[in-house]
N, C-alpha and C. Protein backbone atom coordinates (compact mmCIF):
# COMPACT_ATOMS: atom_id res chain seq x y z
N MET A 1 0.85 -1.17 0.00
CA MET A 1 0.00 0.00 0.00
C MET A 1 0.89 1.24 0.00
N SER A 2 0.62 2.18 -0.89
CA SER A 2 1.44 3.38 -0.98
C SER A 2 1.00 4.40 0.06
N GLU A 3 1.89 5.33 0.36
CA GLU A 3 1.57 6.37 1.35
C GLU A 3 0.47 7.26 0.81
N GLY A 4 -0.41 7.70 1.73
CA GLY A 4 -1.46 8.62 1.34
C GLY A 4 -2.76 7.93 0.94
N THR A 5 -2.74 6.61 0.77
CA THR A 5 -3.98 5.92 0.43
C THR A 5 -4.52 5.25 1.68
N ALA A 6 -5.80 5.35 1.86
CA ALA A 6 -6.45 4.77 3.04
C ALA A 6 -7.11 3.46 2.65
N GLN A 7 -7.07 2.52 3.56
CA GLN A 7 -7.70 1.24 3.33
C GLN A 7 -8.94 1.17 4.21
N THR A 8 -10.06 0.82 3.60
CA THR A 8 -11.31 0.73 4.34
C THR A 8 -11.55 -0.71 4.75
N ILE A 9 -11.90 -0.87 6.03
CA ILE A 9 -12.21 -2.19 6.55
C ILE A 9 -13.66 -2.17 7.00
N SER A 10 -14.41 -3.12 6.53
CA SER A 10 -15.82 -3.22 6.90
C SER A 10 -15.95 -3.71 8.34
N LEU A 11 -16.87 -3.12 9.10
CA LEU A 11 -17.09 -3.55 10.48
C LEU A 11 -17.55 -4.99 10.54
N GLU A 12 -18.27 -5.45 9.52
CA GLU A 12 -18.76 -6.83 9.50
C GLU A 12 -17.62 -7.83 9.47
N ASP A 13 -16.44 -7.41 8.96
CA ASP A 13 -15.30 -8.31 8.83
C ASP A 13 -14.49 -8.42 10.13
N LEU A 14 -14.74 -7.54 11.09
CA LEU A 14 -13.96 -7.55 12.33
C LEU A 14 -14.54 -8.55 13.33
N PRO A 15 -13.68 -9.14 14.14
CA PRO A 15 -14.18 -10.05 15.18
C PRO A 15 -14.91 -9.26 16.28
N LEU A 16 -15.73 -9.96 17.02
CA LEU A 16 -16.56 -9.34 18.06
C LEU A 16 -15.72 -8.60 19.10
N SER A 17 -14.56 -9.13 19.44
CA SER A 17 -13.70 -8.49 20.45
C SER A 17 -13.24 -7.11 19.98
N GLN A 18 -12.89 -6.98 18.70
CA GLN A 18 -12.49 -5.68 18.18
C GLN A 18 -13.68 -4.73 18.12
N LEU A 19 -14.85 -5.26 17.80
CA LEU A 19 -16.05 -4.43 17.77
C LEU A 19 -16.35 -3.90 19.18
N GLN A 20 -16.12 -4.71 20.20
CA GLN A 20 -16.33 -4.26 21.57
C GLN A 20 -15.35 -3.15 21.94
N ASN A 21 -14.11 -3.24 21.46
CA ASN A 21 -13.13 -2.18 21.69
C ASN A 21 -13.57 -0.88 21.01
N ILE A 22 -14.04 -1.00 19.78
CA ILE A 22 -14.52 0.18 19.04
C ILE A 22 -15.73 0.78 19.76
N LYS A 23 -16.59 -0.08 20.27
CA LYS A 23 -17.77 0.38 21.01
C LYS A 23 -17.34 1.20 22.22
N GLY A 24 -16.35 0.72 22.95
CA GLY A 24 -15.84 1.45 24.12
C GLY A 24 -15.26 2.81 23.74
N GLN A 25 -14.53 2.84 22.61
CA GLN A 25 -13.96 4.10 22.14
C GLN A 25 -15.05 5.08 21.76
N LEU A 26 -16.07 4.59 21.05
CA LEU A 26 -17.17 5.46 20.65
C LEU A 26 -17.92 6.00 21.88
N GLU A 27 -18.15 5.14 22.87
CA GLU A 27 -18.82 5.59 24.09
C GLU A 27 -18.02 6.69 24.77
N ALA A 28 -16.70 6.51 24.85
CA ALA A 28 -15.84 7.52 25.49
C ALA A 28 -15.89 8.83 24.71
N GLU A 29 -15.81 8.75 23.38
CA GLU A 29 -15.85 9.96 22.56
C GLU A 29 -17.19 10.68 22.70
N ILE A 30 -18.27 9.92 22.71
CA ILE A 30 -19.61 10.52 22.85
C ILE A 30 -19.73 11.21 24.21
N ASN A 31 -19.25 10.57 25.26
CA ASN A 31 -19.31 11.17 26.60
C ASN A 31 -18.48 12.44 26.67
N GLU A 32 -17.29 12.42 26.09
CA GLU A 32 -16.41 13.58 26.10
C GLU A 32 -17.04 14.74 25.31
N LEU A 33 -17.57 14.43 24.14
CA LEU A 33 -18.19 15.47 23.32
C LEU A 33 -19.46 16.02 23.97
N THR A 34 -20.22 15.16 24.63
CA THR A 34 -21.42 15.61 25.32
C THR A 34 -21.05 16.56 26.46
N GLY A 35 -19.98 16.24 27.17
CA GLY A 35 -19.49 17.13 28.23
C GLY A 35 -19.04 18.47 27.67
N ALA A 36 -18.34 18.44 26.54
CA ALA A 36 -17.89 19.69 25.91
C ALA A 36 -19.08 20.52 25.44
N PHE A 37 -20.10 19.84 24.92
CA PHE A 37 -21.31 20.54 24.48
C PHE A 37 -21.99 21.23 25.66
N SER A 38 -22.06 20.53 26.78
CA SER A 38 -22.67 21.09 27.99
C SER A 38 -21.89 22.32 28.46
N GLN A 39 -20.57 22.23 28.43
CA GLN A 39 -19.74 23.37 28.82
C GLN A 39 -19.94 24.56 27.88
N MET A 40 -20.10 24.26 26.60
CA MET A 40 -20.34 25.34 25.62
C MET A 40 -21.66 26.04 25.91
N LYS A 41 -22.68 25.27 26.24
CA LYS A 41 -23.99 25.86 26.56
C LYS A 41 -23.91 26.71 27.83
N GLN A 42 -23.14 26.26 28.82
CA GLN A 42 -22.96 27.05 30.03
C GLN A 42 -22.22 28.35 29.74
N ALA A 43 -21.19 28.27 28.91
CA ALA A 43 -20.44 29.47 28.54
C ALA A 43 -21.33 30.44 27.77
N GLN A 44 -22.14 29.90 26.89
CA GLN A 44 -23.05 30.73 26.10
C GLN A 44 -24.03 31.46 27.03
N ALA A 45 -24.56 30.76 28.00
CA ALA A 45 -25.49 31.38 28.96
C ALA A 45 -24.77 32.47 29.77
N ALA A 46 -23.52 32.22 30.14
CA ALA A 46 -22.77 33.21 30.91
C ALA A 46 -22.52 34.47 30.07
N PHE A 47 -22.15 34.30 28.80
CA PHE A 47 -21.93 35.47 27.94
C PHE A 47 -23.22 36.24 27.69
N ARG A 48 -24.33 35.52 27.57
CA ARG A 48 -25.63 36.20 27.41
C ARG A 48 -25.95 37.02 28.65
N GLU A 49 -25.68 36.45 29.82
CA GLU A 49 -25.92 37.17 31.07
C GLU A 49 -25.04 38.42 31.15
N CYS A 50 -23.79 38.30 30.73
CA CYS A 50 -22.89 39.46 30.71
C CYS A 50 -23.44 40.55 29.79
N LYS A 51 -23.91 40.14 28.62
CA LYS A 51 -24.47 41.11 27.69
C LYS A 51 -25.69 41.80 28.29
N ASN A 52 -26.55 41.03 28.97
CA ASN A 52 -27.73 41.61 29.61
C ASN A 52 -27.34 42.59 30.71
N CYS A 53 -26.31 42.26 31.46
CA CYS A 53 -25.84 43.17 32.52
C CYS A 53 -25.32 44.47 31.93
N VAL A 54 -24.55 44.36 30.87
CA VAL A 54 -24.02 45.56 30.21
C VAL A 54 -25.16 46.40 29.65
N SER A 55 -26.16 45.73 29.10
CA SER A 55 -27.30 46.45 28.52
C SER A 55 -28.11 47.19 29.59
N SER A 56 -28.00 46.75 30.84
CA SER A 56 -28.75 47.42 31.91
C SER A 56 -28.06 48.68 32.41
N MET A 57 -26.93 49.01 31.85
CA MET A 57 -26.20 50.21 32.24
C MET A 57 -26.83 51.42 31.53
N THR A 58 -27.91 51.91 32.10
CA THR A 58 -28.63 53.04 31.50
C THR A 58 -28.66 54.21 32.47
N GLU A 59 -29.07 55.34 31.96
CA GLU A 59 -29.17 56.56 32.78
C GLU A 59 -30.12 56.34 33.96
N ALA A 60 -31.16 55.55 33.77
CA ALA A 60 -32.13 55.28 34.83
C ALA A 60 -31.49 54.54 36.01
N ASN A 61 -30.41 53.79 35.76
CA ASN A 61 -29.76 53.01 36.82
C ASN A 61 -28.57 53.74 37.45
N LYS A 62 -28.24 54.93 36.95
CA LYS A 62 -27.10 55.68 37.49
C LYS A 62 -27.35 56.01 38.95
N ASP A 63 -26.34 55.86 39.77
CA ASP A 63 -26.33 56.13 41.21
C ASP A 63 -27.20 55.17 42.01
N LYS A 64 -27.65 54.08 41.41
CA LYS A 64 -28.38 53.06 42.17
C LYS A 64 -27.39 52.18 42.91
N THR A 65 -27.84 51.62 44.02
CA THR A 65 -27.00 50.71 44.79
C THR A 65 -27.00 49.34 44.11
N ILE A 66 -25.80 48.79 43.96
CA ILE A 66 -25.64 47.47 43.35
C ILE A 66 -24.74 46.63 44.25
N LEU A 67 -24.71 45.33 44.02
CA LEU A 67 -23.77 44.46 44.71
C LEU A 67 -22.57 44.21 43.80
N VAL A 68 -21.40 44.49 44.30
CA VAL A 68 -20.16 44.34 43.54
C VAL A 68 -19.47 43.05 43.99
N PRO A 69 -19.19 42.13 43.06
CA PRO A 69 -18.54 40.88 43.47
C PRO A 69 -17.05 41.08 43.76
N LEU A 70 -16.65 40.62 44.93
CA LEU A 70 -15.22 40.61 45.25
C LEU A 70 -14.63 39.23 44.99
N SER A 71 -15.47 38.21 45.12
CA SER A 71 -15.11 36.83 44.80
C SER A 71 -16.39 36.13 44.36
N ASN A 72 -16.32 34.81 44.14
CA ASN A 72 -17.51 34.08 43.73
C ASN A 72 -18.61 34.09 44.78
N SER A 73 -18.23 34.27 46.03
CA SER A 73 -19.23 34.20 47.09
C SER A 73 -19.29 35.45 47.97
N LEU A 74 -18.51 36.48 47.68
CA LEU A 74 -18.48 37.68 48.51
C LEU A 74 -18.83 38.90 47.67
N TYR A 75 -19.88 39.60 48.10
CA TYR A 75 -20.35 40.80 47.42
C TYR A 75 -20.41 41.95 48.42
N VAL A 76 -20.11 43.16 47.95
CA VAL A 76 -20.23 44.34 48.79
C VAL A 76 -21.11 45.35 48.08
N PRO A 77 -21.84 46.18 48.84
CA PRO A 77 -22.68 47.19 48.18
C PRO A 77 -21.82 48.29 47.57
N GLY A 78 -22.30 48.82 46.46
CA GLY A 78 -21.62 49.92 45.79
C GLY A 78 -22.63 50.73 45.01
N LYS A 79 -22.19 51.87 44.49
CA LYS A 79 -23.09 52.71 43.68
C LYS A 79 -22.61 52.70 42.24
N LEU A 80 -23.56 52.64 41.33
CA LEU A 80 -23.25 52.65 39.90
C LEU A 80 -23.08 54.11 39.48
N SER A 81 -21.83 54.54 39.33
CA SER A 81 -21.57 55.95 39.03
C SER A 81 -21.19 56.17 37.57
N ASN A 82 -20.57 55.19 36.94
CA ASN A 82 -20.14 55.34 35.54
C ASN A 82 -20.98 54.42 34.67
N ILE A 83 -21.82 54.99 33.82
CA ILE A 83 -22.65 54.18 32.94
C ILE A 83 -22.18 54.26 31.49
N ASP A 84 -20.98 54.85 31.30
CA ASP A 84 -20.46 55.01 29.95
C ASP A 84 -19.50 53.90 29.53
N SER A 85 -18.84 53.29 30.51
CA SER A 85 -17.88 52.24 30.16
C SER A 85 -17.87 51.18 31.26
N VAL A 86 -17.36 50.00 30.89
CA VAL A 86 -17.22 48.87 31.81
C VAL A 86 -15.86 48.24 31.61
N VAL A 87 -15.44 47.48 32.60
CA VAL A 87 -14.20 46.72 32.49
C VAL A 87 -14.60 45.29 32.16
N VAL A 88 -14.04 44.76 31.06
CA VAL A 88 -14.41 43.44 30.56
C VAL A 88 -13.24 42.49 30.73
N ASP A 89 -13.52 41.31 31.29
CA ASP A 89 -12.53 40.24 31.41
C ASP A 89 -12.42 39.57 30.04
N VAL A 90 -11.27 39.74 29.38
CA VAL A 90 -11.10 39.16 28.05
C VAL A 90 -10.31 37.85 28.10
N GLY A 91 -10.08 37.34 29.30
CA GLY A 91 -9.44 36.05 29.46
C GLY A 91 -8.02 36.11 29.93
N THR A 92 -7.57 35.03 30.53
CA THR A 92 -6.21 34.84 31.07
C THR A 92 -5.74 36.02 31.92
N GLY A 93 -6.66 36.58 32.71
CA GLY A 93 -6.29 37.63 33.65
C GLY A 93 -6.17 39.02 33.04
N TYR A 94 -6.61 39.20 31.81
CA TYR A 94 -6.54 40.52 31.17
C TYR A 94 -7.92 41.17 31.18
N TYR A 95 -7.92 42.45 31.53
CA TYR A 95 -9.16 43.22 31.57
C TYR A 95 -9.00 44.44 30.68
N VAL A 96 -10.07 44.79 29.97
CA VAL A 96 -10.04 45.90 29.04
C VAL A 96 -11.24 46.79 29.32
N GLU A 97 -11.02 48.10 29.34
CA GLU A 97 -12.13 49.03 29.49
C GLU A 97 -12.77 49.23 28.12
N LYS A 98 -14.08 49.07 28.08
CA LYS A 98 -14.82 49.21 26.82
C LYS A 98 -16.05 50.07 27.06
N SER A 99 -16.47 50.71 25.98
CA SER A 99 -17.73 51.44 26.06
C SER A 99 -18.86 50.42 26.19
N ILE A 100 -20.02 50.86 26.61
CA ILE A 100 -21.17 49.97 26.77
C ILE A 100 -21.50 49.29 25.45
N GLU A 101 -21.48 50.05 24.37
CA GLU A 101 -21.80 49.48 23.05
C GLU A 101 -20.77 48.45 22.63
N ASP A 102 -19.48 48.77 22.83
CA ASP A 102 -18.41 47.83 22.46
C ASP A 102 -18.47 46.56 23.31
N ALA A 103 -18.78 46.73 24.58
CA ALA A 103 -18.88 45.56 25.47
C ALA A 103 -20.04 44.67 25.05
N ALA A 104 -21.17 45.28 24.71
CA ALA A 104 -22.33 44.49 24.26
C ALA A 104 -21.99 43.74 22.97
N LYS A 105 -21.30 44.41 22.04
CA LYS A 105 -20.88 43.75 20.79
C LYS A 105 -19.90 42.62 21.08
N TYR A 106 -18.99 42.86 22.01
CA TYR A 106 -18.01 41.84 22.38
C TYR A 106 -18.71 40.58 22.90
N PHE A 107 -19.65 40.77 23.82
CA PHE A 107 -20.35 39.61 24.39
C PHE A 107 -21.26 38.94 23.36
N GLU A 108 -21.85 39.72 22.48
CA GLU A 108 -22.68 39.13 21.43
C GLU A 108 -21.81 38.29 20.49
N GLY A 109 -20.62 38.79 20.19
CA GLY A 109 -19.68 38.02 19.37
C GLY A 109 -19.27 36.72 20.05
N LYS A 110 -19.07 36.78 21.37
CA LYS A 110 -18.73 35.57 22.12
C LYS A 110 -19.88 34.57 22.09
N VAL A 111 -21.11 35.06 22.24
CA VAL A 111 -22.29 34.19 22.20
C VAL A 111 -22.36 33.50 20.85
N ASP A 112 -22.18 34.26 19.77
CA ASP A 112 -22.23 33.69 18.41
C ASP A 112 -21.12 32.66 18.20
N TYR A 113 -19.92 32.98 18.65
CA TYR A 113 -18.78 32.08 18.49
C TYR A 113 -19.03 30.76 19.21
N VAL A 114 -19.48 30.84 20.45
CA VAL A 114 -19.75 29.64 21.23
C VAL A 114 -20.90 28.85 20.61
N GLN A 115 -21.90 29.55 20.13
CA GLN A 115 -23.05 28.87 19.50
C GLN A 115 -22.61 28.10 18.25
N THR A 116 -21.75 28.70 17.45
CA THR A 116 -21.24 28.04 16.25
C THR A 116 -20.47 26.77 16.62
N ASN A 117 -19.61 26.88 17.62
CA ASN A 117 -18.83 25.71 18.04
C ASN A 117 -19.71 24.65 18.70
N ALA A 118 -20.70 25.07 19.45
CA ALA A 118 -21.62 24.10 20.07
C ALA A 118 -22.39 23.35 18.99
N LYS A 119 -22.76 24.05 17.94
CA LYS A 119 -23.48 23.39 16.84
C LYS A 119 -22.59 22.34 16.17
N LYS A 120 -21.32 22.67 15.97
CA LYS A 120 -20.38 21.71 15.37
C LYS A 120 -20.22 20.48 16.27
N ILE A 121 -20.14 20.72 17.57
CA ILE A 121 -20.00 19.59 18.50
C ILE A 121 -21.26 18.74 18.47
N GLN A 122 -22.42 19.39 18.43
CA GLN A 122 -23.68 18.65 18.40
C GLN A 122 -23.77 17.78 17.14
N GLU A 123 -23.35 18.32 16.00
CA GLU A 123 -23.35 17.54 14.76
C GLU A 123 -22.42 16.34 14.87
N THR A 124 -21.26 16.54 15.48
CA THR A 124 -20.31 15.45 15.66
C THR A 124 -20.88 14.39 16.59
N VAL A 125 -21.55 14.82 17.66
CA VAL A 125 -22.17 13.86 18.58
C VAL A 125 -23.22 13.04 17.85
N GLU A 126 -24.02 13.69 17.03
CA GLU A 126 -25.06 12.98 16.28
C GLU A 126 -24.45 11.96 15.33
N GLN A 127 -23.34 12.31 14.67
CA GLN A 127 -22.65 11.37 13.78
C GLN A 127 -22.11 10.18 14.57
N LYS A 128 -21.49 10.46 15.72
CA LYS A 128 -20.94 9.40 16.55
C LYS A 128 -22.05 8.49 17.07
N GLN A 129 -23.18 9.07 17.46
CA GLN A 129 -24.30 8.26 17.94
C GLN A 129 -24.86 7.38 16.84
N SER A 130 -24.90 7.90 15.62
CA SER A 130 -25.35 7.11 14.49
C SER A 130 -24.39 5.93 14.25
N SER A 131 -23.10 6.21 14.29
CA SER A 131 -22.10 5.15 14.13
C SER A 131 -22.23 4.12 15.25
N TYR A 132 -22.49 4.60 16.44
CA TYR A 132 -22.65 3.72 17.61
C TYR A 132 -23.83 2.79 17.42
N ARG A 133 -24.96 3.34 16.97
CA ARG A 133 -26.15 2.50 16.73
C ARG A 133 -25.87 1.45 15.65
N GLY A 134 -25.18 1.86 14.58
CA GLY A 134 -24.83 0.91 13.53
C GLY A 134 -23.91 -0.19 14.05
N LEU A 135 -22.96 0.20 14.88
CA LEU A 135 -22.05 -0.77 15.47
C LEU A 135 -22.80 -1.76 16.35
N LEU A 136 -23.75 -1.27 17.14
CA LEU A 136 -24.54 -2.16 18.00
C LEU A 136 -25.34 -3.16 17.16
N GLU A 137 -25.87 -2.71 16.03
CA GLU A 137 -26.61 -3.62 15.15
C GLU A 137 -25.71 -4.73 14.62
N ILE A 138 -24.51 -4.35 14.20
CA ILE A 138 -23.56 -5.35 13.68
C ILE A 138 -23.17 -6.33 14.79
N MET A 139 -22.92 -5.79 16.00
CA MET A 139 -22.55 -6.66 17.11
C MET A 139 -23.69 -7.62 17.44
N GLN A 140 -24.91 -7.13 17.45
CA GLN A 140 -26.07 -8.00 17.73
C GLN A 140 -26.19 -9.09 16.67
N TYR A 141 -25.96 -8.72 15.41
CA TYR A 141 -26.01 -9.70 14.32
C TYR A 141 -24.95 -10.78 14.53
N LYS A 142 -23.72 -10.36 14.89
CA LYS A 142 -22.64 -11.33 15.09
C LYS A 142 -22.92 -12.24 16.28
N ILE A 143 -23.48 -11.67 17.35
CA ILE A 143 -23.81 -12.48 18.53
C ILE A 143 -24.88 -13.50 18.17
N THR A 144 -25.89 -13.07 17.44
CA THR A 144 -26.95 -13.97 17.01
C THR A 144 -26.38 -15.09 16.13
N GLN A 145 -25.47 -14.72 15.23
CA GLN A 145 -24.83 -15.71 14.36
C GLN A 145 -24.06 -16.74 15.18
N GLN A 146 -23.30 -16.26 16.16
CA GLN A 146 -22.52 -17.17 17.01
C GLN A 146 -23.44 -18.11 17.79
N GLN A 147 -24.54 -17.57 18.30
CA GLN A 147 -25.48 -18.40 19.05
C GLN A 147 -26.11 -19.46 18.14
N GLN A 148 -26.45 -19.07 16.91
CA GLN A 148 -27.04 -20.03 15.98
C GLN A 148 -26.02 -21.11 15.61
N GLN A 149 -24.77 -20.71 15.41
CA GLN A 149 -23.75 -21.69 15.08
C GLN A 149 -23.52 -22.64 16.25
N ALA A 150 -23.54 -22.09 17.47
CA ALA A 150 -23.35 -22.93 18.65
C ALA A 150 -24.52 -23.89 18.83
N SER A 151 -25.74 -23.41 18.65
CA SER A 151 -26.88 -24.30 18.81
C SER A 151 -26.99 -25.26 17.62
N GLY A 152 -26.58 -24.86 16.45
CA GLY A 152 -26.57 -25.74 15.28
C GLY A 152 -25.57 -26.86 15.44
N GLY A 153 -24.43 -26.57 16.05
CA GLY A 153 -23.42 -27.57 16.30
C GLY A 153 -23.87 -28.59 17.33
N LYS A 154 -24.61 -28.12 18.33
CA LYS A 154 -25.12 -29.03 19.38
C LYS A 154 -26.17 -29.97 18.80
N GLU A 155 -27.02 -29.45 17.92
CA GLU A 155 -28.07 -30.28 17.31
C GLU A 155 -27.46 -31.39 16.45
N LYS A 156 -26.36 -31.06 15.73
CA LYS A 156 -25.72 -32.05 14.89
C LYS A 156 -25.08 -33.17 15.72
N THR A 157 -24.49 -32.79 16.85
CA THR A 157 -23.86 -33.81 17.67
C THR A 157 -24.88 -34.64 18.41
N ALA A 158 -26.06 -34.08 18.69
CA ALA A 158 -27.10 -34.82 19.40
C ALA A 158 -27.81 -35.78 18.45
N ALA A 159 -27.82 -35.53 17.15
CA ALA A 159 -28.55 -36.36 16.19
C ALA A 159 -27.87 -37.64 15.88
C-alpha cells in the first residue's frame, strides 16, 4: 500500500472483540463530546448574562446601589456611578475598558462564536451516535450468528 492511500475495513469483517473495543472508544468519545457541548452551553449562557448586565447600564440606573462581586461568594454594596464604560474580562487575567456598546458587541460576538462551536459539537455527537447505533446492530447480528452456530453444532452432535 502506498503512502497517502487509506484502506477501508468493513465492520462486519472484524471479530466481536475488536467491535467491543470500538464500542468502548465510541462511548468515550460521545461522553467527552457531550461534556464539551454542555460546557459550551454554560459558557453561552454566561456570555448572554454578561451582555444583559451591560445592557442594563442606563441613565435610569445611574447612582443606584448594586452588589459588587469581590469573589464568587463575597459581594459588597456599591453605587453605579459610571454608565459610559465597563471593564471586561477578556481572558487569562486581562481586563479591558470598553464602552457599553463595544462591550455588548463583544459579548454578542462571544455568544455567536460559542453557539457556532456548540453546533459543530452537536453535529459530531449525532454522527458518533449514528455510528454507535450501527455498530450495535452489527454486534447484535454477530452475537446472534454465534449463538445459531453454537446451537446448530449441538443439534448435529445430538442427532
